Amino acid sequence: MIDLVFLILIFFMIASSAIRFKQDDNVTIPIADKAEVPEMIDGRIIINVYPDGTTYDENSKPVSLEEIELIMAQARSSNPNTRLHLRADKSVRHEMVKKVIQASSRGGVNQVIFSTYVTDK
């Protein structure tokens, strides 16, 4: 019986560590004093916005605004709880962030998660 409990414990430890998302090191995330860490990772489509305004998917493949719209529409058709996980560099112009959100909205995804670092105050 104890062996079974340990096996189940190991299973959950491995499963919980496997639920992660890829972080692009080329994006410097801004710091927010009142940031909250979202609990649910399922259903996120990660878009990285580099300092020069170019956009990349979670596999570091460049994507245009039209492709973002298509990606969101496809993801939304398979999962109605799809959300945009926007990882914008802290030096990128707000205009580019707005364009990515609008492309996501045209694809049917209106919920946005902004990546920020959480600080202890």
PDB file of N, CA and C in Angstrom:
ATOM      1  N   MET A   1       0.816  -1.191   0.000  1.00  0.00           N
ATOM      2  CA  MET A   1       0.000   0.000   0.000  1.00  0.00           C
ATOM      3  C   MET A   1       0.867   1.266   0.000  1.00  0.00           C
ATOM      4  N   ILE A   2       1.901   1.264   0.797  1.00  0.00           N
ATOM      5  CA  ILE A   2       2.795   2.426   0.856  1.00  0.00           C
ATOM      6  C   ILE A   2       3.507   2.614  -0.477  1.00  0.00           C
ATOM      7  N   ASP A   3       3.868   1.511  -1.128  1.00  0.00           N
ATOM      8  CA  ASP A   3       4.501   1.609  -2.447  1.00  0.00           C
ATOM      9  C   ASP A   3       3.579   2.301  -3.448  1.00  0.00           C
ATOM     10  N   LEU A   4       2.323   1.968  -3.385  1.00  0.00           N
ATOM     11  CA  LEU A   4       1.349   2.584  -4.283  1.00  0.00           C
ATOM     12  C   LEU A   4       1.241   4.084  -4.029  1.00  0.00           C
ATOM     13  N   VAL A   5       1.237   4.481  -2.776  1.00  0.00           N
ATOM     14  CA  VAL A   5       1.163   5.901  -2.439  1.00  0.00           C
ATOM     15  C   VAL A   5       2.383   6.645  -2.974  1.00  0.00           C
ATOM     16  N   PHE A   6       3.565   6.049  -2.817  1.00  0.00           N
ATOM     17  CA  PHE A   6       4.783   6.686  -3.335  1.00  0.00           C
ATOM     18  C   PHE A   6       4.773   6.779  -4.860  1.00  0.00           C
ATOM     19  N   LEU A   7       4.274   5.759  -5.521  1.00  0.00           N
ATOM     20  CA  LEU A   7       4.187   5.797  -6.986  1.00  0.00           C
ATOM     21  C   LEU A   7       3.240   6.903  -7.447  1.00  0.00           C
ATOM     22  N   ILE A   8       2.119   7.030  -6.771  1.00  0.00           N
ATOM     23  CA  ILE A   8       1.166   8.093  -7.122  1.00  0.00           C
ATOM     24  C   ILE A   8       1.780   9.462  -6.857  1.00  0.00           C
ATOM     25  N   LEU A   9       2.481   9.604  -5.746  1.00  0.00           N
ATOM     26  CA  LEU A   9       3.156  10.861  -5.428  1.00  0.00           C
ATOM     27  C   LEU A   9       4.184  11.224  -6.502  1.00  0.00           C
ATOM     28  N   ILE A  10       4.974  10.264  -6.919  1.00  0.00           N
ATOM     29  CA  ILE A  10       5.975  10.504  -7.969  1.00  0.00           C
ATOM     30  C   ILE A  10       5.289  10.881  -9.275  1.00  0.00           C
ATOM     31  N   PHE A  11       4.203  10.204  -9.607  1.00  0.00           N
ATOM     32  CA  PHE A  11       3.475  10.514 -10.826  1.00  0.00           C
ATOM     33  C   PHE A  11       3.015  11.970 -10.837  1.00  0.00           C
ATOM     34  N   PHE A  12       2.412  12.434  -9.743  1.00  0.00           N
ATOM     35  CA  PHE A  12       1.918  13.807  -9.691  1.00  0.00           C
ATOM     36  C   PHE A  12       3.046  14.831  -9.689  1.00  0.00           C
ATOM     37  N   MET A  13       4.167  14.483  -9.086  1.00  0.00           N
ATOM     38  CA  MET A  13       5.313  15.400  -9.103  1.00  0.00           C
ATOM     39  C   MET A  13       5.844  15.575 -10.523  1.00  0.00           C
ATOM     40  N   ILE A  14       5.920  14.501 -11.257  1.00  0.00           N
ATOM     41  CA  ILE A  14       6.406  14.567 -12.645  1.00  0.00           C
ATOM     42  C   ILE A  14       5.389  15.278 -13.525  1.00  0.00           C
ATOM     43  N   ALA A  15       4.114  14.971 -13.348  1.00  0.00           N
ATOM     44  CA  ALA A  15       3.069  15.597 -14.165  1.00  0.00           C
ATOM     45  C   ALA A  15       2.993  17.097 -13.919  1.00  0.00           C
ATOM     46  N   SER A  16       3.140  17.525 -12.680  1.00  0.00           N
ATOM     47  CA  SER A  16       3.041  18.959 -12.394  1.00  0.00           C
ATOM     48  C   SER A  16       4.240  19.727 -12.920  1.00  0.00           C
ATOM     49  N   SER A  17       5.406  19.113 -12.967  1.00  0.00           N
ATOM     50  CA  SER A  17       6.581  19.813 -13.498  1.00  0.00           C
ATOM     51  C   SER A  17       6.575  19.848 -15.019  1.00  0.00           C
ATOM     52  N   ALA A  18       5.802  18.977 -15.652  1.00  0.00           N
ATOM     53  CA  ALA A  18       5.737  18.957 -17.114  1.00  0.00           C
ATOM     54  C   ALA A  18       4.829  20.047 -17.662  1.00  0.00           C
ATOM     55  N   ILE A  19       3.994  20.655 -16.832  1.00  0.00           N
ATOM     56  CA  ILE A  19       3.078  21.694 -17.289  1.00  0.00           C
ATOM     57  C   ILE A  19       3.779  23.038 -17.174  1.00  0.00           C
ATOM     58  N   ARG A  20       4.548  23.357 -18.174  1.00  0.00           N
ATOM     59  CA  ARG A  20       5.310  24.600 -18.226  1.00  0.00           C
ATOM     60  C   ARG A  20       5.177  25.159 -19.645  1.00  0.00           C
ATOM     61  N   PHE A  21       5.549  26.414 -19.817  1.00  0.00           N
ATOM     62  CA  PHE A  21       5.581  26.977 -21.148  1.00  0.00           C
ATOM     63  C   PHE A  21       6.987  27.456 -21.448  1.00  0.00           C
ATOM     64  N   LYS A  22       7.291  27.505 -22.739  1.00  0.00           N
ATOM     65  CA  LYS A  22       8.621  27.915 -23.171  1.00  0.00           C
ATOM     66  C   LYS A  22       8.775  29.424 -23.002  1.00  0.00           C
ATOM     67  N   GLN A  23       9.926  29.821 -22.496  1.00  0.00           N
ATOM     68  CA  GLN A  23      10.211  31.237 -22.331  1.00  0.00           C
ATOM     69  C   GLN A  23      11.321  31.622 -23.300  1.00  0.00           C
ATOM     70  N   ASP A  24      11.083  32.653 -24.071  1.00  0.00           N
ATOM     71  CA  ASP A  24      12.058  33.148 -25.030  1.00  0.00           C
ATOM     72  C   ASP A  24      12.999  34.106 -24.308  1.00  0.00           C
ATOM     73  N   ASP A  25      14.287  33.791 -24.327  1.00  0.00           N
ATOM     74  CA  ASP A  25      15.273  34.617 -23.619  1.00  0.00           C
ATOM     75  C   ASP A  25      15.522  35.960 -24.302  1.00  0.00           C
ATOM     76  N   ASN A  26      15.041  36.134 -25.524  1.00  0.00           N
ATOM     77  CA  ASN A  26      15.222  37.398 -26.241  1.00  0.00           C
ATOM     78  C   ASN A  26      14.232  38.469 -25.799  1.00  0.00           C
ATOM     79  N   VAL A  27      13.280  38.090 -24.952  1.00  0.00           N
ATOM     80  CA  VAL A  27      12.260  39.024 -24.473  1.00  0.00           C
ATOM     81  C   VAL A  27      12.520  39.315 -22.998  1.00  0.00           C
ATOM     82  N   THR A  28      12.704  40.590 -22.675  1.00  0.00           N
ATOM     83  CA  THR A  28      12.876  41.009 -21.284  1.00  0.00           C
ATOM     84  C   THR A  28      11.518  41.458 -20.760  1.00  0.00           C
ATOM     85  N   ILE A  29      10.991  40.678 -19.844  1.00  0.00           N
ATOM     86  CA  ILE A  29       9.647  40.913 -19.321  1.00  0.00           C
ATOM     87  C   ILE A  29       9.668  42.092 -18.352  1.00  0.00           C
ATOM     88  N   PRO A  30       8.654  42.973 -18.397  1.00  0.00           N
ATOM     89  CA  PRO A  30       8.593  44.092 -17.445  1.00  0.00           C
ATOM     90  C   PRO A  30       8.244  43.621 -16.033  1.00  0.00           C
ATOM     91  N   ILE A  31       8.514  44.470 -15.075  1.00  0.00           N
ATOM     92  CA  ILE A  31       8.222  44.185 -13.670  1.00  0.00           C
ATOM     93  C   ILE A  31       6.930  44.910 -13.286  1.00  0.00           C
ATOM     94  N   ALA A  32       6.067  44.216 -12.572  1.00  0.00           N
ATOM     95  CA  ALA A  32       4.804  44.809 -12.112  1.00  0.00           C
ATOM     96  C   ALA A  32       4.641  44.549 -10.625  1.00  0.00           C
ATOM     97  N   ASP A  33       4.348  45.589  -9.876  1.00  0.00           N
ATOM     98  CA  ASP A  33       4.209  45.457  -8.425  1.00  0.00           C
ATOM     99  C   ASP A  33       2.998  44.618  -8.029  1.00  0.00           C
ATOM    100  N   LYS A  34       1.924  44.725  -8.769  1.00  0.00           N
ATOM    101  CA  LYS A  34       0.685  44.039  -8.394  1.00  0.00           C
ATOM    102  C   LYS A  34       0.355  42.886  -9.330  1.00  0.00           C
ATOM    103  N   ALA A  35       1.385  42.282  -9.903  1.00  0.00           N
ATOM    104  CA  ALA A  35       1.170  41.166 -10.825  1.00  0.00           C
ATOM    105  C   ALA A  35       0.657  39.939 -10.080  1.00  0.00           C
ATOM    106  N   GLU A  36      -0.147  39.161 -10.764  1.00  0.00           N
ATOM    107  CA  GLU A  36      -0.657  37.915 -10.218  1.00  0.00           C
ATOM    108  C   GLU A  36      -0.293  36.799 -11.170  1.00  0.00           C
ATOM    109  N   VAL A  37       0.074  35.657 -10.624  1.00  0.00           N
ATOM    110  CA  VAL A  37       0.436  34.508 -11.438  1.00  0.00           C
ATOM    111  C   VAL A  37      -0.830  33.729 -11.755  1.00  0.00           C
ATOM    112  N   PRO A  38      -1.202  33.624 -13.054  1.00  0.00           N
ATOM    113  CA  PRO A  38      -2.390  32.843 -13.406  1.00  0.00           C
ATOM    114  C   PRO A  38      -2.140  31.364 -13.126  1.00  0.00           C
ATOM    115  N   GLU A  39      -3.144  30.690 -12.631  1.00  0.00           N
ATOM    116  CA  GLU A  39      -2.970  29.296 -12.250  1.00  0.00           C
ATOM    117  C   GLU A  39      -3.120  28.335 -13.424  1.00  0.00           C
ATOM    118  N   MET A  40      -4.028  28.599 -14.326  1.00  0.00           N
ATOM    119  CA  MET A  40      -4.305  27.656 -15.395  1.00  0.00           C
ATOM    120  C   MET A  40      -3.428  27.931 -16.620  1.00  0.00           C
ATOM    121  N   ILE A  41      -2.645  26.946 -17.022  1.00  0.00           N
ATOM    122  CA  ILE A  41      -1.756  27.097 -18.168  1.00  0.00           C
ATOM    123  C   ILE A  41      -2.427  26.575 -19.439  1.00  0.00           C
ATOM    124  N   ASP A  42      -3.368  25.678 -19.303  1.00  0.00           N
ATOM    125  CA  ASP A  42      -4.039  25.070 -20.443  1.00  0.00           C
ATOM    126  C   ASP A  42      -4.748  26.123 -21.294  1.00  0.00           C
ATOM    127  N   GLY A  43      -4.652  25.991 -22.611  1.00  0.00           N
ATOM    128  CA  GLY A  43      -5.371  26.864 -23.520  1.00  0.00           C
ATOM    129  C   GLY A  43      -4.660  28.160 -23.858  1.00  0.00           C
ATOM    130  N   ARG A  44      -3.401  28.289 -23.520  1.00  0.00           N
ATOM    131  CA  ARG A  44      -2.664  29.519 -23.821  1.00  0.00           C
ATOM    132  C   ARG A  44      -1.954  29.408 -25.166  1.00  0.00           C
ATOM    133  N   ILE A  45      -2.027  30.480 -25.916  1.00  0.00           N
ATOM    134  CA  ILE A  45      -1.226  30.616 -27.134  1.00  0.00           C
ATOM    135  C   ILE A  45      -0.221  31.723 -26.850  1.00  0.00           C
ATOM    136  N   ILE A  46       1.051  31.373 -26.842  1.00  0.00           N
ATOM    137  CA  ILE A  46       2.103  32.326 -26.478  1.00  0.00           C
ATOM    138  C   ILE A  46       2.597  33.061 -27.718  1.00  0.00           C
ATOM    139  N   ILE A  47       2.593  34.386 -27.636  1.00  0.00           N
ATOM    140  CA  ILE A  47       3.168  35.240 -28.674  1.00  0.00           C
ATOM    141  C   ILE A  47       4.207  36.134 -28.005  1.00  0.00           C
ATOM    142  N   ASN A  48       5.427  36.105 -28.534  1.00  0.00           N
ATOM    143  CA  ASN A  48       6.516  36.940 -28.033  1.00  0.00           C
ATOM    144  C   ASN A  48       6.675  38.155 -28.936  1.00  0.00           C
ATOM    145  N   VAL A  49       6.818  39.323 -28.345  1.00  0.00           N
ATOM    146  CA  VAL A  49       7.063  40.553 -29.106  1.00  0.00           C
ATOM    147  C   VAL A  49       8.456  41.051 -28.724  1.00  0.00           C
ATOM    148  N   TYR A  50       9.347  41.038 -29.697  1.00  0.00           N
ATOM    149  CA  TYR A  50      10.736  41.438 -29.470  1.00  0.00           C
ATOM    150  C   TYR A  50      10.849  42.957 -29.395  1.00  0.00           C
ATOM    151  N   PRO A  51      11.977  43.471 -28.898  1.00  0.00           N
ATOM    152  CA  PRO A  51      12.147  44.927 -28.759  1.00  0.00           C
ATOM    153  C   PRO A  51      11.973  45.699 -30.069  1.00  0.00           C
ATOM    154  N   ASP A  52      12.309  45.070 -31.206  1.00  0.00           N
ATOM    155  CA  ASP A  52      12.158  45.758 -32.488  1.00  0.00           C
ATOM    156  C   ASP A  52      10.735  45.683 -33.043  1.00  0.00           C
ATOM    157  N   GLY A  53       9.820  45.018 -32.311  1.00  0.00           N
ATOM    158  CA  GLY A  53       8.424  44.947 -32.731  1.00  0.00           C
ATOM    159  C   GLY A  53       8.059  43.702 -33.509  1.00  0.00           C
ATOM    160  N   THR A  54       9.025  42.837 -33.809  1.00  0.00           N
ATOM    161  CA  THR A  54       8.709  41.606 -34.522  1.00  0.00           C
ATOM    162  C   THR A  54       8.044  40.619 -33.577  1.00  0.00           C
ATOM    163  N   THR A  55       7.185  39.774 -34.121  1.00  0.00           N
ATOM    164  CA  THR A  55       6.428  38.827 -33.314  1.00  0.00           C
ATOM    165  C   THR A  55       6.842  37.401 -33.644  1.00  0.00           C
ATOM    166  N   TYR A  56       6.898  36.581 -32.602  1.00  0.00           N
ATOM    167  CA  TYR A  56       7.301  35.188 -32.728  1.00  0.00           C
ATOM    168  C   TYR A  56       6.348  34.323 -31.924  1.00  0.00           C
ATOM    169  N   ASP A  57       6.152  33.085 -32.391  1.00  0.00           N
ATOM    170  CA  ASP A  57       5.328  32.160 -31.626  1.00  0.00           C
ATOM    171  C   ASP A  57       6.178  31.505 -30.543  1.00  0.00           C
ATOM    172  N   GLU A  58       5.598  30.561 -29.826  1.00  0.00           N
ATOM    173  CA  GLU A  58       6.320  29.954 -28.704  1.00  0.00           C
ATOM    174  C   GLU A  58       7.485  29.072 -29.149  1.00  0.00           C
ATOM    175  N   ASN A  59       7.547  28.738 -30.427  1.00  0.00           N
ATOM    176  CA  ASN A  59       8.657  27.942 -30.957  1.00  0.00           C
ATOM    177  C   ASN A  59       9.716  28.815 -31.621  1.00  0.00           C
ATOM    178  N   SER A  60       9.698  30.110 -31.342  1.00  0.00           N
ATOM    179  CA  SER A  60      10.635  31.106 -31.885  1.00  0.00           C
ATOM    180  C   SER A  60      10.573  31.198 -33.407  1.00  0.00           C
ATOM    181  N   LYS A  61       9.384  30.959 -33.956  1.00  0.00           N
ATOM    182  CA  LYS A  61       9.160  31.106 -35.398  1.00  0.00           C
ATOM    183  C   LYS A  61       8.484  32.455 -35.629  1.00  0.00           C
ATOM    184  N   PRO A  62       9.026  33.272 -36.550  1.00  0.00           N
ATOM    185  CA  PRO A  62       8.392  34.577 -36.798  1.00  0.00           C
ATOM    186  C   PRO A  62       6.966  34.412 -37.342  1.00  0.00           C
ATOM    187  N   VAL A  63       6.056  35.238 -36.835  1.00  0.00           N
ATOM    188  CA  VAL A  63       4.668  35.214 -37.290  1.00  0.00           C
ATOM    189  C   VAL A  63       4.214  36.639 -37.567  1.00  0.00           C
ATOM    190  N   SER A  64       3.393  36.782 -38.591  1.00  0.00           N
ATOM    191  CA  SER A  64       2.820  38.094 -38.917  1.00  0.00           C
ATOM    192  C   SER A  64       1.511  38.264 -38.160  1.00  0.00           C
ATOM    193  N   LEU A  65       0.954  39.453 -38.229  1.00  0.00           N
ATOM    194  CA  LEU A  65      -0.321  39.707 -37.565  1.00  0.00           C
ATOM    195  C   LEU A  65      -1.435  38.861 -38.179  1.00  0.00           C
ATOM    196  N   GLU A  66      -1.376  38.651 -39.485  1.00  0.00           N
ATOM    197  CA  GLU A  66      -2.377  37.803 -40.149  1.00  0.00           C
ATOM    198  C   GLU A  66      -2.259  36.360 -39.673  1.00  0.00           C
ATOM    199  N   GLU A  67      -1.018  35.897 -39.478  1.00  0.00           N
ATOM    200  CA  GLU A  67      -0.812  34.534 -38.987  1.00  0.00           C
ATOM    201  C   GLU A  67      -1.292  34.397 -37.540  1.00  0.00           C
ATOM    202  N   ILE A  68      -1.105  35.438 -36.743  1.00  0.00           N
ATOM    203  CA  ILE A  68      -1.595  35.418 -35.364  1.00  0.00           C
ATOM    204  C   ILE A  68      -3.115  35.270 -35.366  1.00  0.00           C
ATOM    205  N   GLU A  69      -3.771  36.014 -36.235  1.00  0.00           N
ATOM    206  CA  GLU A  69      -5.234  35.925 -36.350  1.00  0.00           C
ATOM    207  C   GLU A  69      -5.655  34.508 -36.707  1.00  0.00           C
ATOM    208  N   LEU A  70      -4.956  33.890 -37.659  1.00  0.00           N
ATOM    209  CA  LEU A  70      -5.278  32.525 -38.083  1.00  0.00           C
ATOM    210  C   LEU A  70      -5.001  31.515 -36.965  1.00  0.00           C
ATOM    211  N   ILE A  71      -3.872  31.671 -36.281  1.00  0.00           N
ATOM    212  CA  ILE A  71      -3.524  30.772 -35.166  1.00  0.00           C
ATOM    213  C   ILE A  71      -4.599  30.828 -34.088  1.00  0.00           C
ATOM    214  N   MET A  72      -5.039  32.043 -33.772  1.00  0.00           N
ATOM    215  CA  MET A  72      -6.053  32.208 -32.732  1.00  0.00           C
ATOM    216  C   MET A  72      -7.391  31.607 -33.157  1.00  0.00           C
ATOM    217  N   ALA A  73      -7.763  31.807 -34.414  1.00  0.00           N
ATOM    218  CA  ALA A  73      -9.032  31.251 -34.901  1.00  0.00           C
ATOM    219  C   ALA A  73      -9.007  29.721 -34.850  1.00  0.00           C
ATOM    220  N   GLN A  74      -7.882  29.124 -35.239  1.00  0.00           N
ATOM    221  CA  GLN A  74      -7.765  27.659 -35.197  1.00  0.00           C
ATOM    222  C   GLN A  74      -7.784  27.144 -33.765  1.00  0.00           C
ATOM    223  N   ALA A  75      -7.067  27.819 -32.882  1.00  0.00           N
ATOM    224  CA  ALA A  75      -7.032  27.390 -31.481  1.00  0.00           C
ATOM    225  C   ALA A  75      -8.407  27.545 -30.833  1.00  0.00           C
ATOM    226  N   ARG A  76      -9.093  28.616 -31.151  1.00  0.00           N
ATOM    227  CA  ARG A  76     -10.427  28.882 -30.581  1.00  0.00           C
ATOM    228  C   ARG A  76     -11.440  27.837 -31.040  1.00  0.00           C
ATOM    229  N   SER A  77     -11.295  27.350 -32.280  1.00  0.00           N
ATOM    230  CA  SER A  77     -12.243  26.351 -32.776  1.00  0.00           C
ATOM    231  C   SER A  77     -12.079  25.016 -32.048  1.00  0.00           C
ATOM    232  N   SER A  78     -10.862  24.708 -31.592  1.00  0.00           N
ATOM    233  CA  SER A  78     -10.655  23.453 -30.872  1.00  0.00           C
ATOM    234  C   SER A  78     -10.819  23.599 -29.357  1.00  0.00           C
ATOM    235  N   ASN A  79     -10.614  24.825 -28.828  1.00  0.00           N
ATOM    236  CA  ASN A  79     -10.750  25.059 -27.393  1.00  0.00           C
ATOM    237  C   ASN A  79     -11.364  26.441 -27.173  1.00  0.00           C
ATOM    238  N   PRO A  80     -12.624  26.510 -26.763  1.00  0.00           N
ATOM    239  CA  PRO A  80     -13.269  27.817 -26.587  1.00  0.00           C
ATOM    240  C   PRO A  80     -12.664  28.657 -25.463  1.00  0.00           C
ATOM    241  N   ASN A  81     -11.846  28.056 -24.599  1.00  0.00           N
ATOM    242  CA  ASN A  81     -11.216  28.785 -23.497  1.00  0.00           C
ATOM    243  C   ASN A  81      -9.797  29.254 -23.844  1.00  0.00           C
ATOM    244  N   THR A  82      -9.504  29.355 -25.121  1.00  0.00           N
ATOM    245  CA  THR A  82      -8.174  29.784 -25.557  1.00  0.00           C
ATOM    246  C   THR A  82      -7.927  31.228 -25.142  1.00  0.00           C
ATOM    247  N   ARG A  83      -6.688  31.494 -24.683  1.00  0.00           N
ATOM    248  CA  ARG A  83      -6.289  32.847 -24.287  1.00  0.00           C
ATOM    249  C   ARG A  83      -4.965  33.194 -24.935  1.00  0.00           C
ATOM    250  N   LEU A  84      -4.770  34.473 -25.191  1.00  0.00           N
ATOM    251  CA  LEU A  84      -3.497  34.969 -25.699  1.00  0.00           C
ATOM    252  C   LEU A  84      -2.575  35.206 -24.514  1.00  0.00           C
ATOM    253  N   HIS A  85      -1.412  34.584 -24.539  1.00  0.00           N
ATOM    254  CA  HIS A  85      -0.382  34.827 -23.514  1.00  0.00           C
ATOM    255  C   HIS A  85       0.667  35.709 -24.179  1.00  0.00           C
ATOM    256  N   LEU A  86       0.612  36.985 -23.889  1.00  0.00           N
ATOM    257  CA  LEU A  86       1.457  37.978 -24.558  1.00  0.00           C
ATOM    258  C   LEU A  86       2.711  38.234 -23.745  1.00  0.00           C
ATOM    259  N   ARG A  87       3.862  37.908 -24.341  1.00  0.00           N
ATOM    260  CA  ARG A  87       5.166  38.146 -23.708  1.00  0.00           C
ATOM    261  C   ARG A  87       5.846  39.260 -24.492  1.00  0.00           C
ATOM    262  N   ALA A  88       5.538  40.493 -24.159  1.00  0.00           N
ATOM    263  CA  ALA A  88       6.095  41.653 -24.857  1.00  0.00           C
ATOM    264  C   ALA A  88       7.307  42.171 -24.102  1.00  0.00           C
ATOM    265  N   ASP A  89       8.359  42.499 -24.847  1.00  0.00           N
ATOM    266  CA  ASP A  89       9.554  43.068 -24.235  1.00  0.00           C
ATOM    267  C   ASP A  89       9.196  44.400 -23.579  1.00  0.00           C
ATOM    268  N   LYS A  90       9.893  44.711 -22.480  1.00  0.00           N
ATOM    269  CA  LYS A  90       9.551  45.934 -21.743  1.00  0.00           C
ATOM    270  C   LYS A  90       9.860  47.200 -22.531  1.00  0.00           C
ATOM    271  N   SER A  91      10.674  47.113 -23.586  1.00  0.00           N
ATOM    272  CA  SER A  91      11.014  48.301 -24.363  1.00  0.00           C
ATOM    273  C   SER A  91      10.203  48.428 -25.661  1.00  0.00           C
ATOM    274  N   VAL A  92       9.323  47.473 -25.928  1.00  0.00           N
ATOM    275  CA  VAL A  92       8.547  47.519 -27.168  1.00  0.00           C
ATOM    276  C   VAL A  92       7.479  48.607 -27.064  1.00  0.00           C
ATOM    277  N   ARG A  93       7.183  49.239 -28.190  1.00  0.00           N
ATOM    278  CA  ARG A  93       6.162  50.289 -28.218  1.00  0.00           C
ATOM    279  C   ARG A  93       4.778  49.689 -27.997  1.00  0.00           C
ATOM    280  N   HIS A  94       3.944  50.413 -27.290  1.00  0.00           N
ATOM    281  CA  HIS A  94       2.591  49.948 -26.988  1.00  0.00           C
ATOM    282  C   HIS A  94       1.783  49.724 -28.269  1.00  0.00           C
ATOM    283  N   GLU A  95       2.083  50.463 -29.297  1.00  0.00           N
ATOM    284  CA  GLU A  95       1.381  50.327 -30.577  1.00  0.00           C
ATOM    285  C   GLU A  95       1.459  48.890 -31.094  1.00  0.00           C
ATOM    286  N   MET A  96       2.631  48.252 -30.958  1.00  0.00           N
ATOM    287  CA  MET A  96       2.784  46.883 -31.440  1.00  0.00           C
ATOM    288  C   MET A  96       2.008  45.898 -30.567  1.00  0.00           C
ATOM    289  N   VAL A  97       2.013  46.126 -29.270  1.00  0.00           N
ATOM    290  CA  VAL A  97       1.234  45.282 -28.356  1.00  0.00           C
ATOM    291  C   VAL A  97      -0.249  45.363 -28.711  1.00  0.00           C
ATOM    292  N   LYS A  98      -0.708  46.565 -28.992  1.00  0.00           N
ATOM    293  CA  LYS A  98      -2.105  46.780 -29.361  1.00  0.00           C
ATOM    294  C   LYS A  98      -2.447  46.045 -30.661  1.00  0.00           C
ATOM    295  N   LYS A  99      -1.541  46.062 -31.635  1.00  0.00           N
ATOM    296  CA  LYS A  99      -1.785  45.369 -32.910  1.00  0.00           C
ATOM    297  C   LYS A  99      -1.896  43.861 -32.715  1.00  0.00           C
ATOM    298  N   VAL A 100      -1.060  43.293 -31.839  1.00  0.00           N
ATOM    299  CA  VAL A 100      -1.122  41.854 -31.573  1.00  0.00           C
ATOM    300  C   VAL A 100      -2.444  41.506 -30.890  1.00  0.00           C
ATOM    301  N   ILE A 101      -2.869  42.316 -29.940  1.00  0.00           N
ATOM    302  CA  ILE A 101      -4.143  42.067 -29.254  1.00  0.00           C
ATOM    303  C   ILE A 101      -5.312  42.176 -30.234  1.00  0.00           C
ATOM    304  N   GLN A 102      -5.265  43.152 -31.137  1.00  0.00           N
ATOM    305  CA  GLN A 102      -6.321  43.293 -32.130  1.00  0.00           C
ATOM    306  C   GLN A 102      -6.352  42.104 -33.088  1.00  0.00           C
ATOM    307  N   ALA A 103      -5.181  41.590 -33.495  1.00  0.00           N
ATOM    308  CA  ALA A 103      -5.137  40.413 -34.364  1.00  0.00           C
ATOM    309  C   ALA A 103      -5.728  39.203 -33.647  1.00  0.00           C
ATOM    310  N   SER A 104      -5.416  39.066 -32.361  1.00  0.00           N
ATOM    311  CA  SER A 104      -5.979  37.977 -31.566  1.00  0.00           C
ATOM    312  C   SER A 104      -7.496  38.112 -31.470  1.00  0.00           C
ATOM    313  N   SER A 105      -7.962  39.314 -31.282  1.00  0.00           N
ATOM    314  CA  SER A 105      -9.395  39.564 -31.183  1.00  0.00           C
ATOM    315  C   SER A 105     -10.108  39.238 -32.492  1.00  0.00           C
ATOM    316  N   ARG A 106      -9.495  39.600 -33.614  1.00  0.00           N
ATOM    317  CA  ARG A 106     -10.077  39.254 -34.919  1.00  0.00           C
ATOM    318  C   ARG A 106     -10.153  37.743 -35.103  1.00  0.00           C
ATOM    319  N   GLY A 107      -9.235  37.011 -34.455  1.00  0.00           N
ATOM    320  CA  GLY A 107      -9.253  35.546 -34.501  1.00  0.00           C
ATOM    321  C   GLY A 107     -10.232  34.930 -33.525  1.00  0.00           C
ATOM    322  N   GLY A 108     -10.891  35.765 -32.713  1.00  0.00           N
ATOM    323  CA  GLY A 108     -11.910  35.277 -31.791  1.00  0.00           C
ATOM    324  C   GLY A 108     -11.441  35.079 -30.365  1.00  0.00           C
ATOM    325  N   VAL A 109     -10.193  35.455 -30.071  1.00  0.00           N
ATOM    326  CA  VAL A 109      -9.655  35.298 -28.708  1.00  0.00           C
ATOM    327  C   VAL A 109      -9.535  36.680 -28.090  1.00  0.00           C
ATOM    328  N   ASN A 110     -10.341  36.945 -27.064  1.00  0.00           N
ATOM    329  CA  ASN A 110     -10.370  38.260 -26.431  1.00  0.00           C
ATOM    330  C   ASN A 110      -9.685  38.300 -25.069  1.00  0.00           C
ATOM    331  N   GLN A 111      -9.410  37.147 -24.490  1.00  0.00           N
ATOM    332  CA  GLN A 111      -8.762  37.107 -23.177  1.00  0.00           C
ATOM    333  C   GLN A 111      -7.244  37.161 -23.360  1.00  0.00           C
ATOM    334  N   VAL A 112      -6.601  38.085 -22.623  1.00  0.00           N
ATOM    335  CA  VAL A 112      -5.158  38.285 -22.757  1.00  0.00           C
ATOM    336  C   VAL A 112      -4.508  38.141 -21.390  1.00  0.00           C
ATOM    337  N   ILE A 113      -3.399  37.395 -21.374  1.00  0.00           N
ATOM    338  CA  ILE A 113      -2.558  37.291 -20.188  1.00  0.00           C
ATOM    339  C   ILE A 113      -1.254  37.993 -20.528  1.00  0.00           C
ATOM    340  N   PHE A 114      -0.888  39.007 -19.752  1.00  0.00           N
ATOM    341  CA  PHE A 114       0.365  39.721 -19.957  1.00  0.00           C
ATOM    342  C   PHE A 114       1.427  39.121 -19.054  1.00  0.00           C
ATOM    343  N   SER A 115       2.574  38.793 -19.617  1.00  0.00           N
ATOM    344  CA  SER A 115       3.680  38.286 -18.800  1.00  0.00           C
ATOM    345  C   SER A 115       4.386  39.437 -18.110  1.00  0.00           C
ATOM    346  N   THR A 116       4.544  39.323 -16.820  1.00  0.00           N
ATOM    347  CA  THR A 116       5.303  40.281 -16.016  1.00  0.00           C
ATOM    348  C   THR A 116       6.025  39.512 -14.924  1.00  0.00           C
ATOM    349  N   TYR A 117       7.080  40.123 -14.414  1.00  0.00           N
ATOM    350  CA  TYR A 117       7.736  39.553 -13.243  1.00  0.00           C
ATOM    351  C   TYR A 117       7.006  40.054 -12.002  1.00  0.00           C
ATOM    352  N   VAL A 118       6.838  39.177 -11.047  1.00  0.00           N
ATOM    353  CA  VAL A 118       6.199  39.530  -9.785  1.00  0.00           C
ATOM    354  C   VAL A 118       7.291  39.967  -8.827  1.00  0.00           C
ATOM    355  N   THR A 119       7.070  41.082  -8.146  1.00  0.00           N
ATOM    356  CA  THR A 119       8.033  41.557  -7.163  1.00  0.00           C
ATOM    357  C   THR A 119       7.440  41.464  -5.772  1.00  0.00           C
ATOM    358  N   ASP A 120       8.304  41.318  -4.810  1.00  0.00           N
ATOM    359  CA  ASP A 120       7.863  41.302  -3.409  1.00  0.00           C
ATOM    360  C   ASP A 120       8.033  42.703  -2.847  1.00  0.00           C
ATOM    361  N   LYS A 121       6.938  43.308  -2.416  1.00  0.00           N
ATOM    362  CA  LYS A 121       7.003  44.658  -1.840  1.00  0.00           C
ATOM    363  C   LYS A 121       6.579  44.637  -0.420  1.00  0.00           C
TER     364      LYS A 121
END
